[in-house]
Amino acid sequence: MNSTLSPRNNCPNVWNEILENEPNRYSDQWVERYLAGARDRLGRQVPGFNLTIRDCLHMQELCAFETAALEDSKFCGLFTEDEWKGFAYANGD
């Protein structure tokens, strides 16, 4: 089973409990934490644009999808190794 982009399949009992009680609280807190530096670093590269944590997360997701579809993505190089580890953890890998 490929669950790379679906952490709920890795531990259904815990995931279902979290979904019932607090849908995105814990994952949102983690994403805010591990991408704070990326938002600040990348935000300096786009003056006048309010780059959000969610924008950074979507850029990481684009890396995964473009790499699968096109075999490469310039989005991948925007993030540090630790930020990629944070992405993997957020997705249950």
PDB file of N, CA and C in Angstrom:
ATOM      1  N   MET A   1       0.846  -1.182   0.000  1.00  0.00           N
ATOM      2  CA  MET A   1       0.000   0.000   0.000  1.00  0.00           C
ATOM      3  C   MET A   1       0.886   1.238   0.000  1.00  0.00           C
ATOM      4  N   ASN A   2       0.628   2.168  -0.874  1.00  0.00           N
ATOM      5  CA  ASN A   2       1.354   3.425  -0.921  1.00  0.00           C
ATOM      6  C   ASN A   2       0.579   4.465  -0.123  1.00  0.00           C
ATOM      7  N   SER A   3       1.144   4.867   1.002  1.00  0.00           N
ATOM      8  CA  SER A   3       0.470   5.856   1.841  1.00  0.00           C
ATOM      9  C   SER A   3       1.319   7.111   2.007  1.00  0.00           C
ATOM     10  N   THR A   4       2.188   7.384   1.054  1.00  0.00           N
ATOM     11  CA  THR A   4       3.108   8.510   1.156  1.00  0.00           C
ATOM     12  C   THR A   4       2.400   9.818   1.470  1.00  0.00           C
ATOM     13  N   LEU A   5       1.285  10.066   0.830  1.00  0.00           N
ATOM     14  CA  LEU A   5       0.585  11.335   1.031  1.00  0.00           C
ATOM     15  C   LEU A   5      -0.673  11.176   1.877  1.00  0.00           C
ATOM     16  N   SER A   6      -0.783  10.057   2.576  1.00  0.00           N
ATOM     17  CA  SER A   6      -1.976   9.799   3.372  1.00  0.00           C
ATOM     18  C   SER A   6      -1.616   9.183   4.716  1.00  0.00           C
ATOM     19  N   PRO A   7      -1.242  10.016   5.703  1.00  0.00           N
ATOM     20  CA  PRO A   7      -0.808   9.477   6.991  1.00  0.00           C
ATOM     21  C   PRO A   7      -1.897   8.730   7.742  1.00  0.00           C
ATOM     22  N   ARG A   8      -3.146   8.988   7.428  1.00  0.00           N
ATOM     23  CA  ARG A   8      -4.227   8.327   8.163  1.00  0.00           C
ATOM     24  C   ARG A   8      -4.205   6.821   7.989  1.00  0.00           C
ATOM     25  N   ASN A   9      -3.575   6.312   6.920  1.00  0.00           N
ATOM     26  CA  ASN A   9      -3.523   4.868   6.694  1.00  0.00           C
ATOM     27  C   ASN A   9      -2.460   4.173   7.547  1.00  0.00           C
ATOM     28  N   ASN A  10      -1.549   4.936   8.102  1.00  0.00           N
ATOM     29  CA  ASN A  10      -0.455   4.332   8.854  1.00  0.00           C
ATOM     30  C   ASN A  10      -0.861   3.892  10.250  1.00  0.00           C
ATOM     31  N   CYS A  11      -1.735   4.632  10.881  1.00  0.00           N
ATOM     32  CA  CYS A  11      -2.177   4.284  12.227  1.00  0.00           C
ATOM     33  C   CYS A  11      -3.647   4.683  12.357  1.00  0.00           C
ATOM     34  N   PRO A  12      -4.541   3.878  11.818  1.00  0.00           N
ATOM     35  CA  PRO A  12      -5.947   4.276  11.758  1.00  0.00           C
ATOM     36  C   PRO A  12      -6.591   4.565  13.109  1.00  0.00           C
ATOM     37  N   ASN A  13      -6.229   3.837  14.157  1.00  0.00           N
ATOM     38  CA  ASN A  13      -6.883   4.071  15.449  1.00  0.00           C
ATOM     39  C   ASN A  13      -6.560   5.455  15.990  1.00  0.00           C
ATOM     40  N   VAL A  14      -5.311   5.811  15.990  1.00  0.00           N
ATOM     41  CA  VAL A  14      -4.923   7.127  16.495  1.00  0.00           C
ATOM     42  C   VAL A  14      -5.435   8.207  15.557  1.00  0.00           C
ATOM     43  N   TRP A  15      -5.271   8.014  14.256  1.00  0.00           N
ATOM     44  CA  TRP A  15      -5.702   9.025  13.303  1.00  0.00           C
ATOM     45  C   TRP A  15      -7.197   9.288  13.423  1.00  0.00           C
ATOM     46  N   ASN A  16      -8.003   8.251  13.519  1.00  0.00           N
ATOM     47  CA  ASN A  16      -9.451   8.447  13.633  1.00  0.00           C
ATOM     48  C   ASN A  16      -9.810   9.183  14.907  1.00  0.00           C
ATOM     49  N   GLU A  17      -9.104   8.893  15.991  1.00  0.00           N
ATOM     50  CA  GLU A  17      -9.363   9.594  17.252  1.00  0.00           C
ATOM     51  C   GLU A  17      -9.047  11.080  17.109  1.00  0.00           C
ATOM     52  N   ILE A  18      -7.937  11.404  16.461  1.00  0.00           N
ATOM     53  CA  ILE A  18      -7.572  12.802  16.249  1.00  0.00           C
ATOM     54  C   ILE A  18      -8.603  13.483  15.359  1.00  0.00           C
ATOM     55  N   LEU A  19      -9.012  12.822  14.287  1.00  0.00           N
ATOM     56  CA  LEU A  19      -9.998  13.421  13.385  1.00  0.00           C
ATOM     57  C   LEU A  19     -11.304  13.716  14.089  1.00  0.00           C
ATOM     58  N   GLU A  20     -11.722  12.821  14.960  1.00  0.00           N
ATOM     59  CA  GLU A  20     -12.980  13.023  15.667  1.00  0.00           C
ATOM     60  C   GLU A  20     -12.890  14.156  16.670  1.00  0.00           C
ATOM     61  N   ASN A  21     -11.751  14.287  17.339  1.00  0.00           N
ATOM     62  CA  ASN A  21     -11.627  15.253  18.427  1.00  0.00           C
ATOM     63  C   ASN A  21     -11.081  16.611  17.983  1.00  0.00           C
ATOM     64  N   GLU A  22     -10.031  16.619  17.230  1.00  0.00           N
ATOM     65  CA  GLU A  22      -9.398  17.865  16.818  1.00  0.00           C
ATOM     66  C   GLU A  22      -8.793  17.661  15.442  1.00  0.00           C
ATOM     67  N   PRO A  23      -9.541  17.903  14.402  1.00  0.00           N
ATOM     68  CA  PRO A  23      -9.171  17.494  13.058  1.00  0.00           C
ATOM     69  C   PRO A  23      -7.752  17.836  12.606  1.00  0.00           C
ATOM     70  N   ASN A  24      -7.341  19.062  12.677  1.00  0.00           N
ATOM     71  CA  ASN A  24      -6.043  19.420  12.126  1.00  0.00           C
ATOM     72  C   ASN A  24      -5.105  20.091  13.123  1.00  0.00           C
ATOM     73  N   ARG A  25      -5.498  20.144  14.350  1.00  0.00           N
ATOM     74  CA  ARG A  25      -4.730  20.903  15.330  1.00  0.00           C
ATOM     75  C   ARG A  25      -3.278  20.452  15.423  1.00  0.00           C
ATOM     76  N   TYR A  26      -3.061  19.163  15.572  1.00  0.00           N
ATOM     77  CA  TYR A  26      -1.709  18.675  15.788  1.00  0.00           C
ATOM     78  C   TYR A  26      -0.852  18.770  14.531  1.00  0.00           C
ATOM     79  N   SER A  27      -1.409  18.411  13.407  1.00  0.00           N
ATOM     80  CA  SER A  27      -0.627  18.500  12.174  1.00  0.00           C
ATOM     81  C   SER A  27      -0.357  19.958  11.816  1.00  0.00           C
ATOM     82  N   ASP A  28      -1.314  20.838  12.021  1.00  0.00           N
ATOM     83  CA  ASP A  28      -1.094  22.260  11.754  1.00  0.00           C
ATOM     84  C   ASP A  28       0.002  22.826  12.653  1.00  0.00           C
ATOM     85  N   GLN A  29       0.018  22.429  13.916  1.00  0.00           N
ATOM     86  CA  GLN A  29       1.066  22.896  14.831  1.00  0.00           C
ATOM     87  C   GLN A  29       2.440  22.429  14.356  1.00  0.00           C
ATOM     88  N   TRP A  30       2.531  21.191  13.908  1.00  0.00           N
ATOM     89  CA  TRP A  30       3.809  20.661  13.432  1.00  0.00           C
ATOM     90  C   TRP A  30       4.269  21.397  12.170  1.00  0.00           C
ATOM     91  N   VAL A  31       3.360  21.589  11.229  1.00  0.00           N
ATOM     92  CA  VAL A  31       3.710  22.280   9.989  1.00  0.00           C
ATOM     93  C   VAL A  31       4.181  23.701  10.297  1.00  0.00           C
ATOM     94  N   GLU A  32       3.490  24.386  11.197  1.00  0.00           N
ATOM     95  CA  GLU A  32       3.905  25.739  11.605  1.00  0.00           C
ATOM     96  C   GLU A  32       5.321  25.725  12.176  1.00  0.00           C
ATOM     97  N   ARG A  33       5.631  24.694  12.907  1.00  0.00           N
ATOM     98  CA  ARG A  33       6.941  24.614  13.563  1.00  0.00           C
ATOM     99  C   ARG A  33       8.056  24.309  12.558  1.00  0.00           C
ATOM    100  N   TYR A  34       7.877  23.274  11.756  1.00  0.00           N
ATOM    101  CA  TYR A  34       8.999  22.872  10.916  1.00  0.00           C
ATOM    102  C   TYR A  34       9.178  23.756   9.682  1.00  0.00           C
ATOM    103  N   LEU A  35       8.168  24.524   9.290  1.00  0.00           N
ATOM    104  CA  LEU A  35       8.296  25.385   8.114  1.00  0.00           C
ATOM    105  C   LEU A  35       8.470  26.871   8.437  1.00  0.00           C
ATOM    106  N   ALA A  36       8.587  27.220   9.711  1.00  0.00           N
ATOM    107  CA  ALA A  36       8.740  28.633  10.081  1.00  0.00           C
ATOM    108  C   ALA A  36       9.988  29.239   9.439  1.00  0.00           C
ATOM    109  N   GLY A  37      11.099  28.528   9.495  1.00  0.00           N
ATOM    110  CA  GLY A  37      12.337  29.036   8.897  1.00  0.00           C
ATOM    111  C   GLY A  37      12.237  29.154   7.387  1.00  0.00           C
ATOM    112  N   ALA A  38      11.586  28.198   6.749  1.00  0.00           N
ATOM    113  CA  ALA A  38      11.416  28.238   5.293  1.00  0.00           C
ATOM    114  C   ALA A  38      10.575  29.442   4.895  1.00  0.00           C
ATOM    115  N   ARG A  39       9.502  29.689   5.630  1.00  0.00           N
ATOM    116  CA  ARG A  39       8.652  30.842   5.319  1.00  0.00           C
ATOM    117  C   ARG A  39       9.447  32.129   5.402  1.00  0.00           C
ATOM    118  N   ASP A  40      10.250  32.276   6.450  1.00  0.00           N
ATOM    119  CA  ASP A  40      11.047  33.489   6.608  1.00  0.00           C
ATOM    120  C   ASP A  40      12.097  33.597   5.506  1.00  0.00           C
ATOM    121  N   ARG A  41      12.799  32.520   5.250  1.00  0.00           N
ATOM    122  CA  ARG A  41      13.872  32.497   4.250  1.00  0.00           C
ATOM    123  C   ARG A  41      13.321  32.749   2.847  1.00  0.00           C
ATOM    124  N   LEU A  42      12.284  32.024   2.468  1.00  0.00           N
ATOM    125  CA  LEU A  42      11.714  32.165   1.131  1.00  0.00           C
ATOM    126  C   LEU A  42      10.948  33.478   0.989  1.00  0.00           C
ATOM    127  N   GLY A  43      10.341  33.926   2.076  1.00  0.00           N
ATOM    128  CA  GLY A  43       9.593  35.176   2.050  1.00  0.00           C
ATOM    129  C   GLY A  43      10.471  36.367   1.706  1.00  0.00           C
ATOM    130  N   ARG A  44      11.727  36.323   2.103  1.00  0.00           N
ATOM    131  CA  ARG A  44      12.662  37.406   1.769  1.00  0.00           C
ATOM    132  C   ARG A  44      12.940  37.447   0.267  1.00  0.00           C
ATOM    133  N   GLN A  45      12.691  36.352  -0.418  1.00  0.00           N
ATOM    134  CA  GLN A  45      12.938  36.278  -1.860  1.00  0.00           C
ATOM    135  C   GLN A  45      11.776  36.816  -2.697  1.00  0.00           C
ATOM    136  N   VAL A  46      10.638  37.043  -2.053  1.00  0.00           N
ATOM    137  CA  VAL A  46       9.458  37.540  -2.775  1.00  0.00           C
ATOM    138  C   VAL A  46       8.887  38.762  -2.054  1.00  0.00           C
ATOM    139  N   PRO A  47       9.630  39.876  -2.063  1.00  0.00           N
ATOM    140  CA  PRO A  47       9.157  41.075  -1.359  1.00  0.00           C
ATOM    141  C   PRO A  47       7.798  41.526  -1.891  1.00  0.00           C
ATOM    142  N   GLY A  48       6.961  41.940  -0.974  1.00  0.00           N
ATOM    143  CA  GLY A  48       5.630  42.401  -1.340  1.00  0.00           C
ATOM    144  C   GLY A  48       4.590  41.293  -1.377  1.00  0.00           C
ATOM    145  N   PHE A  49       5.032  40.048  -1.246  1.00  0.00           N
ATOM    146  CA  PHE A  49       4.106  38.917  -1.226  1.00  0.00           C
ATOM    147  C   PHE A  49       4.104  38.327   0.172  1.00  0.00           C
ATOM    148  N   ASN A  50       2.939  38.121   0.738  1.00  0.00           N
ATOM    149  CA  ASN A  50       2.824  37.558   2.070  1.00  0.00           C
ATOM    150  C   ASN A  50       2.848  36.036   1.983  1.00  0.00           C
ATOM    151  N   LEU A  51       4.048  35.465   1.990  1.00  0.00           N
ATOM    152  CA  LEU A  51       4.204  34.018   1.913  1.00  0.00           C
ATOM    153  C   LEU A  51       3.778  33.394   3.238  1.00  0.00           C
ATOM    154  N   THR A  52       2.887  32.440   3.173  1.00  0.00           N
ATOM    155  CA  THR A  52       2.372  31.807   4.387  1.00  0.00           C
ATOM    156  C   THR A  52       2.993  30.422   4.572  1.00  0.00           C
ATOM    157  N   ILE A  53       2.810  29.882   5.752  1.00  0.00           N
ATOM    158  CA  ILE A  53       3.237  28.510   6.027  1.00  0.00           C
ATOM    159  C   ILE A  53       2.532  27.560   5.060  1.00  0.00           C
ATOM    160  N   ARG A  54       1.267  27.775   4.823  1.00  0.00           N
ATOM    161  CA  ARG A  54       0.495  26.917   3.922  1.00  0.00           C
ATOM    162  C   ARG A  54       1.064  26.979   2.496  1.00  0.00           C
ATOM    163  N   ASP A  55       1.508  28.168   2.051  1.00  0.00           N
ATOM    164  CA  ASP A  55       2.157  28.290   0.742  1.00  0.00           C
ATOM    165  C   ASP A  55       3.396  27.398   0.683  1.00  0.00           C
ATOM    166  N   CYS A  56       4.185  27.439   1.749  1.00  0.00           N
ATOM    167  CA  CYS A  56       5.404  26.619   1.798  1.00  0.00           C
ATOM    168  C   CYS A  56       5.068  25.134   1.762  1.00  0.00           C
ATOM    169  N   LEU A  57       4.058  24.732   2.489  1.00  0.00           N
ATOM    170  CA  LEU A  57       3.642  23.337   2.476  1.00  0.00           C
ATOM    171  C   LEU A  57       3.209  22.919   1.068  1.00  0.00           C
ATOM    172  N   HIS A  58       2.470  23.780   0.392  1.00  0.00           N
ATOM    173  CA  HIS A  58       2.030  23.462  -0.967  1.00  0.00           C
ATOM    174  C   HIS A  58       3.222  23.371  -1.924  1.00  0.00           C
ATOM    175  N   MET A  59       4.253  24.182  -1.691  1.00  0.00           N
ATOM    176  CA  MET A  59       5.454  24.078  -2.523  1.00  0.00           C
ATOM    177  C   MET A  59       6.128  22.728  -2.318  1.00  0.00           C
ATOM    178  N   GLN A  60       6.155  22.249  -1.073  1.00  0.00           N
ATOM    179  CA  GLN A  60       6.721  20.921  -0.829  1.00  0.00           C
ATOM    180  C   GLN A  60       5.875  19.856  -1.530  1.00  0.00           C
ATOM    181  N   GLU A  61       4.584  19.995  -1.481  1.00  0.00           N
ATOM    182  CA  GLU A  61       3.708  19.038  -2.150  1.00  0.00           C
ATOM    183  C   GLU A  61       3.902  19.079  -3.663  1.00  0.00           C
ATOM    184  N   LEU A  62       4.113  20.283  -4.208  1.00  0.00           N
ATOM    185  CA  LEU A  62       4.366  20.404  -5.645  1.00  0.00           C
ATOM    186  C   LEU A  62       5.651  19.685  -6.037  1.00  0.00           C
ATOM    187  N   CYS A  63       6.660  19.737  -5.191  1.00  0.00           N
ATOM    188  CA  CYS A  63       7.892  19.000  -5.455  1.00  0.00           C
ATOM    189  C   CYS A  63       7.589  17.525  -5.650  1.00  0.00           C
ATOM    190  N   ALA A  64       6.828  16.956  -4.732  1.00  0.00           N
ATOM    191  CA  ALA A  64       6.506  15.531  -4.807  1.00  0.00           C
ATOM    192  C   ALA A  64       5.720  15.209  -6.074  1.00  0.00           C
ATOM    193  N   PHE A  65       4.721  16.010  -6.376  1.00  0.00           N
ATOM    194  CA  PHE A  65       3.884  15.730  -7.545  1.00  0.00           C
ATOM    195  C   PHE A  65       4.628  15.974  -8.858  1.00  0.00           C
ATOM    196  N   GLU A  66       5.375  17.078  -8.942  1.00  0.00           N
ATOM    197  CA  GLU A  66       6.116  17.337 -10.175  1.00  0.00           C
ATOM    198  C   GLU A  66       7.197  16.292 -10.407  1.00  0.00           C
ATOM    199  N   THR A  67       7.840  15.854  -9.338  1.00  0.00           N
ATOM    200  CA  THR A  67       8.863  14.825  -9.479  1.00  0.00           C
ATOM    201  C   THR A  67       8.246  13.529  -9.995  1.00  0.00           C
ATOM    202  N   ALA A  68       7.079  13.177  -9.479  1.00  0.00           N
ATOM    203  CA  ALA A  68       6.404  11.969  -9.949  1.00  0.00           C
ATOM    204  C   ALA A  68       5.962  12.113 -11.402  1.00  0.00           C
ATOM    205  N   ALA A  69       5.487  13.288 -11.774  1.00  0.00           N
ATOM    206  CA  ALA A  69       4.957  13.487 -13.123  1.00  0.00           C
ATOM    207  C   ALA A  69       6.027  13.848 -14.146  1.00  0.00           C
ATOM    208  N   LEU A  70       7.000  14.657 -13.715  1.00  0.00           N
ATOM    209  CA  LEU A  70       7.970  15.213 -14.669  1.00  0.00           C
ATOM    210  C   LEU A  70       9.410  14.761 -14.407  1.00  0.00           C
ATOM    211  N   GLU A  71       9.607  13.985 -13.362  1.00  0.00           N
ATOM    212  CA  GLU A  71      10.907  13.462 -12.946  1.00  0.00           C
ATOM    213  C   GLU A  71      11.813  14.504 -12.299  1.00  0.00           C
ATOM    214  N   ASP A  72      11.353  15.728 -12.141  1.00  0.00           N
ATOM    215  CA  ASP A  72      12.151  16.770 -11.500  1.00  0.00           C
ATOM    216  C   ASP A  72      11.233  17.924 -11.107  1.00  0.00           C
ATOM    217  N   SER A  73      11.670  18.701 -10.118  1.00  0.00           N
ATOM    218  CA  SER A  73      10.926  19.884  -9.716  1.00  0.00           C
ATOM    219  C   SER A  73      11.875  20.873  -9.067  1.00  0.00           C
ATOM    220  N   LYS A  74      11.803  22.103  -9.490  1.00  0.00           N
ATOM    221  CA  LYS A  74      12.640  23.148  -8.895  1.00  0.00           C
ATOM    222  C   LYS A  74      12.196  23.464  -7.462  1.00  0.00           C
ATOM    223  N   PHE A  75      10.980  23.101  -7.106  1.00  0.00           N
ATOM    224  CA  PHE A  75      10.505  23.330  -5.746  1.00  0.00           C
ATOM    225  C   PHE A  75      11.314  22.516  -4.727  1.00  0.00           C
ATOM    226  N   CYS A  76      11.829  21.385  -5.142  1.00  0.00           N
ATOM    227  CA  CYS A  76      12.547  20.503  -4.213  1.00  0.00           C
ATOM    228  C   CYS A  76      13.759  21.180  -3.594  1.00  0.00           C
ATOM    229  N   GLY A  77      14.473  21.952  -4.366  1.00  0.00           N
ATOM    230  CA  GLY A  77      15.687  22.590  -3.887  1.00  0.00           C
ATOM    231  C   GLY A  77      15.467  23.780  -2.972  1.00  0.00           C
ATOM    232  N   LEU A  78      14.227  24.161  -2.771  1.00  0.00           N
ATOM    233  CA  LEU A  78      13.928  25.314  -1.921  1.00  0.00           C
ATOM    234  C   LEU A  78      13.993  24.993  -0.432  1.00  0.00           C
ATOM    235  N   PHE A  79      14.024  23.705  -0.094  1.00  0.00           N
ATOM    236  CA  PHE A  79      13.900  23.310   1.305  1.00  0.00           C
ATOM    237  C   PHE A  79      15.140  22.569   1.780  1.00  0.00           C
ATOM    238  N   THR A  80      15.413  22.710   3.064  1.00  0.00           N
ATOM    239  CA  THR A  80      16.566  22.051   3.673  1.00  0.00           C
ATOM    240  C   THR A  80      16.254  20.580   3.948  1.00  0.00           C
ATOM    241  N   GLU A  81      17.290  19.845   4.263  1.00  0.00           N
ATOM    242  CA  GLU A  81      17.097  18.435   4.605  1.00  0.00           C
ATOM    243  C   GLU A  81      16.179  18.287   5.816  1.00  0.00           C
ATOM    244  N   ASP A  82      16.374  19.141   6.821  1.00  0.00           N
ATOM    245  CA  ASP A  82      15.518  19.074   8.014  1.00  0.00           C
ATOM    246  C   ASP A  82      14.057  19.396   7.679  1.00  0.00           C
ATOM    247  N   GLU A  83      13.839  20.328   6.760  1.00  0.00           N
ATOM    248  CA  GLU A  83      12.468  20.656   6.361  1.00  0.00           C
ATOM    249  C   GLU A  83      11.840  19.487   5.615  1.00  0.00           C
ATOM    250  N   TRP A  84      12.636  18.760   4.845  1.00  0.00           N
ATOM    251  CA  TRP A  84      12.098  17.571   4.182  1.00  0.00           C
ATOM    252  C   TRP A  84      11.814  16.459   5.188  1.00  0.00           C
ATOM    253  N   LYS A  85      12.632  16.362   6.217  1.00  0.00           N
ATOM    254  CA  LYS A  85      12.348  15.384   7.270  1.00  0.00           C
ATOM    255  C   LYS A  85      11.043  15.758   7.976  1.00  0.00           C
ATOM    256  N   GLY A  86      10.828  17.053   8.202  1.00  0.00           N
ATOM    257  CA  GLY A  86       9.583  17.518   8.804  1.00  0.00           C
ATOM    258  C   GLY A  86       8.387  17.196   7.938  1.00  0.00           C
ATOM    259  N   PHE A  87       8.539  17.332   6.629  1.00  0.00           N
ATOM    260  CA  PHE A  87       7.476  17.000   5.687  1.00  0.00           C
ATOM    261  C   PHE A  87       7.157  15.509   5.751  1.00  0.00           C
ATOM    262  N   ALA A  88       8.203  14.694   5.777  1.00  0.00           N
ATOM    263  CA  ALA A  88       8.010  13.232   5.856  1.00  0.00           C
ATOM    264  C   ALA A  88       7.277  12.864   7.147  1.00  0.00           C
ATOM    265  N   TYR A  89       7.692  13.468   8.250  1.00  0.00           N
ATOM    266  CA  TYR A  89       7.044  13.194   9.542  1.00  0.00           C
ATOM    267  C   TYR A  89       5.582  13.624   9.514  1.00  0.00           C
ATOM    268  N   ALA A  90       5.315  14.789   8.922  1.00  0.00           N
ATOM    269  CA  ALA A  90       3.944  15.285   8.853  1.00  0.00           C
ATOM    270  C   ALA A  90       3.053  14.356   8.036  1.00  0.00           C
ATOM    271  N   ASN A  91       3.661  13.636   7.115  1.00  0.00           N
ATOM    272  CA  ASN A  91       2.893  12.738   6.266  1.00  0.00           C
ATOM    273  C   ASN A  91       2.960  11.287   6.714  1.00  0.00           C
ATOM    274  N   GLY A  92       3.459  11.056   7.912  1.00  0.00           N
ATOM    275  CA  GLY A  92       3.442   9.726   8.475  1.00  0.00           C
ATOM    276  C   GLY A  92       4.510   8.793   7.946  1.00  0.00           C
ATOM    277  N   ASP A  93       5.538   9.350   7.327  1.00  0.00           N
ATOM    278  CA  ASP A  93       6.610   8.499   6.806  1.00  0.00           C
ATOM    279  C   ASP A  93       7.711   8.305   7.834  1.00  0.00           C
TER     280      ASP A  93
END
